[in-house]
Amino acid sequence: MDRLTTTAYGSSFVALFGGMTTNDVAMIGGLMVGVATFAVNCYFKREHLKIARREAQKRELD
């Protein structure tokens, strides 16, 4: 990237995060925690479903 583009992106970054209040930071942090929790729950629910299907197939074969 050329120097002008780097400067423009850098100043945009500073303006965005420099103008944030504590409430804004807390809101974004809470949103990120909520999304991460949703993703982890989906992963473990899918793993639990795989185990349950394997056990059901075992019982059918017995």
PDB file of N, CA and C in Angstrom:
ATOM      1  N   MET A   1       0.844  -1.175   0.000  1.00  0.00           N
ATOM      2  CA  MET A   1       0.000   0.000   0.000  1.00  0.00           C
ATOM      3  C   MET A   1       0.891   1.240   0.000  1.00  0.00           C
ATOM      4  N   ASP A   2       0.392   2.231  -0.614  1.00  0.00           N
ATOM      5  CA  ASP A   2       1.173   3.464  -0.601  1.00  0.00           C
ATOM      6  C   ASP A   2       0.964   4.212   0.711  1.00  0.00           C
ATOM      7  N   ARG A   3       1.761   5.198   0.914  1.00  0.00           N
ATOM      8  CA  ARG A   3       1.787   5.912   2.191  1.00  0.00           C
ATOM      9  C   ARG A   3       0.479   6.654   2.475  1.00  0.00           C
ATOM     10  N   LEU A   4      -0.135   7.198   1.439  1.00  0.00           N
ATOM     11  CA  LEU A   4      -1.379   7.941   1.611  1.00  0.00           C
ATOM     12  C   LEU A   4      -2.517   7.021   2.065  1.00  0.00           C
ATOM     13  N   THR A   5      -2.595   5.835   1.478  1.00  0.00           N
ATOM     14  CA  THR A   5      -3.633   4.878   1.856  1.00  0.00           C
ATOM     15  C   THR A   5      -3.442   4.422   3.297  1.00  0.00           C
ATOM     16  N   THR A   6      -2.200   4.146   3.670  1.00  0.00           N
ATOM     17  CA  THR A   6      -1.906   3.730   5.037  1.00  0.00           C
ATOM     18  C   THR A   6      -2.288   4.820   6.029  1.00  0.00           C
ATOM     19  N   THR A   7      -1.991   6.053   5.687  1.00  0.00           N
ATOM     20  CA  THR A   7      -2.344   7.179   6.553  1.00  0.00           C
ATOM     21  C   THR A   7      -3.855   7.314   6.685  1.00  0.00           C
ATOM     22  N   ALA A   8      -4.578   7.146   5.585  1.00  0.00           N
ATOM     23  CA  ALA A   8      -6.035   7.265   5.608  1.00  0.00           C
ATOM     24  C   ALA A   8      -6.656   6.176   6.485  1.00  0.00           C
ATOM     25  N   TYR A   9      -6.189   4.938   6.323  1.00  0.00           N
ATOM     26  CA  TYR A   9      -6.723   3.847   7.144  1.00  0.00           C
ATOM     27  C   TYR A   9      -6.361   4.045   8.614  1.00  0.00           C
ATOM     28  N   GLY A  10      -5.158   4.476   8.865  1.00  0.00           N
ATOM     29  CA  GLY A  10      -4.730   4.711  10.240  1.00  0.00           C
ATOM     30  C   GLY A  10      -5.543   5.794  10.923  1.00  0.00           C
ATOM     31  N   SER A  11      -5.781   6.888  10.224  1.00  0.00           N
ATOM     32  CA  SER A  11      -6.564   7.966  10.827  1.00  0.00           C
ATOM     33  C   SER A  11      -8.022   7.558  11.009  1.00  0.00           C
ATOM     34  N   SER A  12      -8.552   6.739  10.115  1.00  0.00           N
ATOM     35  CA  SER A  12      -9.922   6.228  10.287  1.00  0.00           C
ATOM     36  C   SER A  12     -10.019   5.342  11.520  1.00  0.00           C
ATOM     37  N   PHE A  13      -9.020   4.512  11.712  1.00  0.00           N
ATOM     38  CA  PHE A  13      -8.978   3.632  12.880  1.00  0.00           C
ATOM     39  C   PHE A  13      -8.938   4.443  14.169  1.00  0.00           C
ATOM     40  N   VAL A  14      -8.088   5.458  14.204  1.00  0.00           N
ATOM     41  CA  VAL A  14      -7.966   6.302  15.393  1.00  0.00           C
ATOM     42  C   VAL A  14      -9.262   7.065  15.644  1.00  0.00           C
ATOM     43  N   ALA A  15      -9.895   7.576  14.590  1.00  0.00           N
ATOM     44  CA  ALA A  15     -11.141   8.324  14.751  1.00  0.00           C
ATOM     45  C   ALA A  15     -12.261   7.419  15.268  1.00  0.00           C
ATOM     46  N   LEU A  16     -12.301   6.187  14.768  1.00  0.00           N
ATOM     47  CA  LEU A  16     -13.346   5.261  15.191  1.00  0.00           C
ATOM     48  C   LEU A  16     -13.196   4.908  16.661  1.00  0.00           C
ATOM     49  N   PHE A  17     -12.014   4.482  17.055  1.00  0.00           N
ATOM     50  CA  PHE A  17     -11.814   4.025  18.429  1.00  0.00           C
ATOM     51  C   PHE A  17     -11.545   5.169  19.396  1.00  0.00           C
ATOM     52  N   GLY A  18     -11.115   6.304  18.905  1.00  0.00           N
ATOM     53  CA  GLY A  18     -10.904   7.452  19.778  1.00  0.00           C
ATOM     54  C   GLY A  18     -12.201   8.088  20.221  1.00  0.00           C
ATOM     55  N   GLY A  19     -13.242   7.954  19.426  1.00  0.00           N
ATOM     56  CA  GLY A  19     -14.521   8.560  19.756  1.00  0.00           C
ATOM     57  C   GLY A  19     -15.458   7.656  20.523  1.00  0.00           C
ATOM     58  N   MET A  20     -14.998   6.466  20.880  1.00  0.00           N
ATOM     59  CA  MET A  20     -15.862   5.523  21.581  1.00  0.00           C
ATOM     60  C   MET A  20     -15.864   5.810  23.082  1.00  0.00           C
ATOM     61  N   THR A  21     -17.029   5.674  23.669  1.00  0.00           N
ATOM     62  CA  THR A  21     -17.141   5.820  25.118  1.00  0.00           C
ATOM     63  C   THR A  21     -16.996   4.449  25.765  1.00  0.00           C
ATOM     64  N   THR A  22     -16.962   4.436  27.070  1.00  0.00           N
ATOM     65  CA  THR A  22     -16.861   3.171  27.803  1.00  0.00           C
ATOM     66  C   THR A  22     -18.082   2.295  27.532  1.00  0.00           C
ATOM     67  N   ASN A  23     -19.237   2.915  27.401  1.00  0.00           N
ATOM     68  CA  ASN A  23     -20.455   2.154  27.105  1.00  0.00           C
ATOM     69  C   ASN A  23     -20.384   1.500  25.731  1.00  0.00           C
ATOM     70  N   ASP A  24     -19.804   2.203  24.764  1.00  0.00           N
ATOM     71  CA  ASP A  24     -19.654   1.628  23.426  1.00  0.00           C
ATOM     72  C   ASP A  24     -18.730   0.407  23.450  1.00  0.00           C
ATOM     73  N   VAL A  25     -17.633   0.535  24.174  1.00  0.00           N
ATOM     74  CA  VAL A  25     -16.685  -0.578  24.283  1.00  0.00           C
ATOM     75  C   VAL A  25     -17.346  -1.768  24.979  1.00  0.00           C
ATOM     76  N   ALA A  26     -18.089  -1.506  26.044  1.00  0.00           N
ATOM     77  CA  ALA A  26     -18.775  -2.577  26.769  1.00  0.00           C
ATOM     78  C   ALA A  26     -19.828  -3.246  25.885  1.00  0.00           C
ATOM     79  N   MET A  27     -20.526  -2.461  25.077  1.00  0.00           N
ATOM     80  CA  MET A  27     -21.534  -3.015  24.182  1.00  0.00           C
ATOM     81  C   MET A  27     -20.896  -3.933  23.143  1.00  0.00           C
ATOM     82  N   ILE A  28     -19.812  -3.496  22.552  1.00  0.00           N
ATOM     83  CA  ILE A  28     -19.134  -4.307  21.542  1.00  0.00           C
ATOM     84  C   ILE A  28     -18.559  -5.572  22.173  1.00  0.00           C
ATOM     85  N   GLY A  29     -17.982  -5.434  23.389  1.00  0.00           N
ATOM     86  CA  GLY A  29     -17.467  -6.605  24.091  1.00  0.00           C
ATOM     87  C   GLY A  29     -18.566  -7.598  24.412  1.00  0.00           C
ATOM     88  N   GLY A  30     -19.700  -7.114  24.870  1.00  0.00           N
ATOM     89  CA  GLY A  30     -20.830  -7.990  25.166  1.00  0.00           C
ATOM     90  C   GLY A  30     -21.362  -8.679  23.926  1.00  0.00           C
ATOM     91  N   LEU A  31     -21.388  -7.958  22.834  1.00  0.00           N
ATOM     92  CA  LEU A  31     -21.831  -8.546  21.571  1.00  0.00           C
ATOM     93  C   LEU A  31     -20.886  -9.650  21.124  1.00  0.00           C
ATOM     94  N   MET A  32     -19.585  -9.415  21.268  1.00  0.00           N
ATOM     95  CA  MET A  32     -18.606 -10.434  20.880  1.00  0.00           C
ATOM     96  C   MET A  32     -18.708 -11.665  21.769  1.00  0.00           C
ATOM     97  N   VAL A  33     -18.936 -11.469  23.065  1.00  0.00           N
ATOM     98  CA  VAL A  33     -19.103 -12.601  23.976  1.00  0.00           C
ATOM     99  C   VAL A  33     -20.366 -13.379  23.610  1.00  0.00           C
ATOM    100  N   GLY A  34     -21.440 -12.680  23.277  1.00  0.00           N
ATOM    101  CA  GLY A  34     -22.681 -13.347  22.892  1.00  0.00           C
ATOM    102  C   GLY A  34     -22.523 -14.179  21.628  1.00  0.00           C
ATOM    103  N   VAL A  35     -21.847 -13.640  20.638  1.00  0.00           N
ATOM    104  CA  VAL A  35     -21.616 -14.374  19.381  1.00  0.00           C
ATOM    105  C   VAL A  35     -20.719 -15.585  19.636  1.00  0.00           C
ATOM    106  N   ALA A  36     -19.682 -15.412  20.464  1.00  0.00           N
ATOM    107  CA  ALA A  36     -18.791 -16.532  20.774  1.00  0.00           C
ATOM    108  C   ALA A  36     -19.545 -17.628  21.526  1.00  0.00           C
ATOM    109  N   THR A  37     -20.407 -17.247  22.453  1.00  0.00           N
ATOM    110  CA  THR A  37     -21.197 -18.224  23.201  1.00  0.00           C
ATOM    111  C   THR A  37     -22.121 -19.003  22.275  1.00  0.00           C
ATOM    112  N   PHE A  38     -22.741 -18.300  21.346  1.00  0.00           N
ATOM    113  CA  PHE A  38     -23.619 -18.957  20.373  1.00  0.00           C
ATOM    114  C   PHE A  38     -22.844 -19.970  19.538  1.00  0.00           C
ATOM    115  N   ALA A  39     -21.650 -19.581  19.087  1.00  0.00           N
ATOM    116  CA  ALA A  39     -20.838 -20.474  18.260  1.00  0.00           C
ATOM    117  C   ALA A  39     -20.401 -21.712  19.034  1.00  0.00           C
ATOM    118  N   VAL A  40     -19.991 -21.537  20.273  1.00  0.00           N
ATOM    119  CA  VAL A  40     -19.563 -22.671  21.094  1.00  0.00           C
ATOM    120  C   VAL A  40     -20.746 -23.589  21.372  1.00  0.00           C
ATOM    121  N   ASN A  41     -21.903 -23.031  21.672  1.00  0.00           N
ATOM    122  CA  ASN A  41     -23.099 -23.859  21.915  1.00  0.00           C
ATOM    123  C   ASN A  41     -23.484 -24.660  20.684  1.00  0.00           C
ATOM    124  N   CYS A  42     -23.407 -24.037  19.506  1.00  0.00           N
ATOM    125  CA  CYS A  42     -23.720 -24.760  18.262  1.00  0.00           C
ATOM    126  C   CYS A  42     -22.753 -25.913  18.050  1.00  0.00           C
ATOM    127  N   TYR A  43     -21.474 -25.674  18.293  1.00  0.00           N
ATOM    128  CA  TYR A  43     -20.471 -26.719  18.113  1.00  0.00           C
ATOM    129  C   TYR A  43     -20.747 -27.901  19.033  1.00  0.00           C
ATOM    130  N   PHE A  44     -20.943 -27.640  20.320  1.00  0.00           N
ATOM    131  CA  PHE A  44     -21.142 -28.742  21.265  1.00  0.00           C
ATOM    132  C   PHE A  44     -22.478 -29.437  21.056  1.00  0.00           C
ATOM    133  N   LYS A  45     -23.493 -28.717  20.625  1.00  0.00           N
ATOM    134  CA  LYS A  45     -24.776 -29.352  20.328  1.00  0.00           C
ATOM    135  C   LYS A  45     -24.629 -30.312  19.141  1.00  0.00           C
ATOM    136  N   ARG A  46     -23.847 -29.894  18.142  1.00  0.00           N
ATOM    137  CA  ARG A  46     -23.621 -30.752  16.978  1.00  0.00           C
ATOM    138  C   ARG A  46     -22.844 -32.003  17.390  1.00  0.00           C
ATOM    139  N   GLU A  47     -21.833 -31.839  18.242  1.00  0.00           N
ATOM    140  CA  GLU A  47     -21.066 -32.987  18.721  1.00  0.00           C
ATOM    141  C   GLU A  47     -21.953 -33.935  19.536  1.00  0.00           C
ATOM    142  N   HIS A  48     -22.808 -33.382  20.377  1.00  0.00           N
ATOM    143  CA  HIS A  48     -23.728 -34.207  21.158  1.00  0.00           C
ATOM    144  C   HIS A  48     -24.667 -34.984  20.244  1.00  0.00           C
ATOM    145  N   LEU A  49     -25.136 -34.355  19.186  1.00  0.00           N
ATOM    146  CA  LEU A  49     -26.021 -35.020  18.233  1.00  0.00           C
ATOM    147  C   LEU A  49     -25.303 -36.171  17.527  1.00  0.00           C
ATOM    148  N   LYS A  50     -24.032 -35.982  17.188  1.00  0.00           N
ATOM    149  CA  LYS A  50     -23.260 -37.054  16.553  1.00  0.00           C
ATOM    150  C   LYS A  50     -23.165 -38.263  17.476  1.00  0.00           C
ATOM    151  N   ILE A  51     -22.876 -38.002  18.753  1.00  0.00           N
ATOM    152  CA  ILE A  51     -22.764 -39.095  19.725  1.00  0.00           C
ATOM    153  C   ILE A  51     -24.100 -39.803  19.881  1.00  0.00           C
ATOM    154  N   ALA A  52     -25.178 -39.050  19.969  1.00  0.00           N
ATOM    155  CA  ALA A  52     -26.506 -39.645  20.130  1.00  0.00           C
ATOM    156  C   ALA A  52     -26.874 -40.494  18.913  1.00  0.00           C
ATOM    157  N   ARG A  53     -26.530 -40.044  17.724  1.00  0.00           N
ATOM    158  CA  ARG A  53     -26.825 -40.843  16.525  1.00  0.00           C
ATOM    159  C   ARG A  53     -26.026 -42.135  16.511  1.00  0.00           C
ATOM    160  N   ARG A  54     -24.743 -42.054  16.904  1.00  0.00           N
ATOM    161  CA  ARG A  54     -23.917 -43.264  16.956  1.00  0.00           C
ATOM    162  C   ARG A  54     -24.477 -44.274  17.942  1.00  0.00           C
ATOM    163  N   GLU A  55     -24.912 -43.804  19.101  1.00  0.00           N
ATOM    164  CA  GLU A  55     -25.486 -44.705  20.101  1.00  0.00           C
ATOM    165  C   GLU A  55     -26.797 -45.307  19.619  1.00  0.00           C
ATOM    166  N   ALA A  56     -27.597 -44.530  18.914  1.00  0.00           N
ATOM    167  CA  ALA A  56     -28.875 -45.042  18.384  1.00  0.00           C
ATOM    168  C   ALA A  56     -28.608 -46.112  17.322  1.00  0.00           C
ATOM    169  N   GLN A  57     -27.589 -45.915  16.499  1.00  0.00           N
ATOM    170  CA  GLN A  57     -27.266 -46.906  15.490  1.00  0.00           C
ATOM    171  C   GLN A  57     -26.738 -48.193  16.133  1.00  0.00           C
ATOM    172  N   LYS A  58     -25.972 -48.047  17.211  1.00  0.00           N
ATOM    173  CA  LYS A  58     -25.483 -49.220  17.938  1.00  0.00           C
ATOM    174  C   LYS A  58     -26.642 -50.034  18.479  1.00  0.00           C
ATOM    175  N   ARG A  59     -27.632 -49.346  19.071  1.00  0.00           N
ATOM    176  CA  ARG A  59     -28.782 -50.032  19.637  1.00  0.00           C
ATOM    177  C   ARG A  59     -29.601 -50.724  18.563  1.00  0.00           C
ATOM    178  N   GLU A  60     -29.683 -50.155  17.373  1.00  0.00           N
ATOM    179  CA  GLU A  60     -30.432 -50.777  16.280  1.00  0.00           C
ATOM    180  C   GLU A  60     -29.754 -52.061  15.817  1.00  0.00           C
ATOM    181  N   LEU A  61     -28.428 -52.079  15.842  1.00  0.00           N
ATOM    182  CA  LEU A  61     -27.699 -53.261  15.386  1.00  0.00           C
ATOM    183  C   LEU A  61     -27.734 -54.386  16.417  1.00  0.00           C
ATOM    184  N   ASP A  62     -27.944 -54.066  17.679  1.00  0.00           N
ATOM    185  CA  ASP A  62     -27.986 -55.112  18.726  1.00  0.00           C
ATOM    186  C   ASP A  62     -29.253 -55.863  18.735  1.00  0.00           C
TER     187      ASP A  62
END
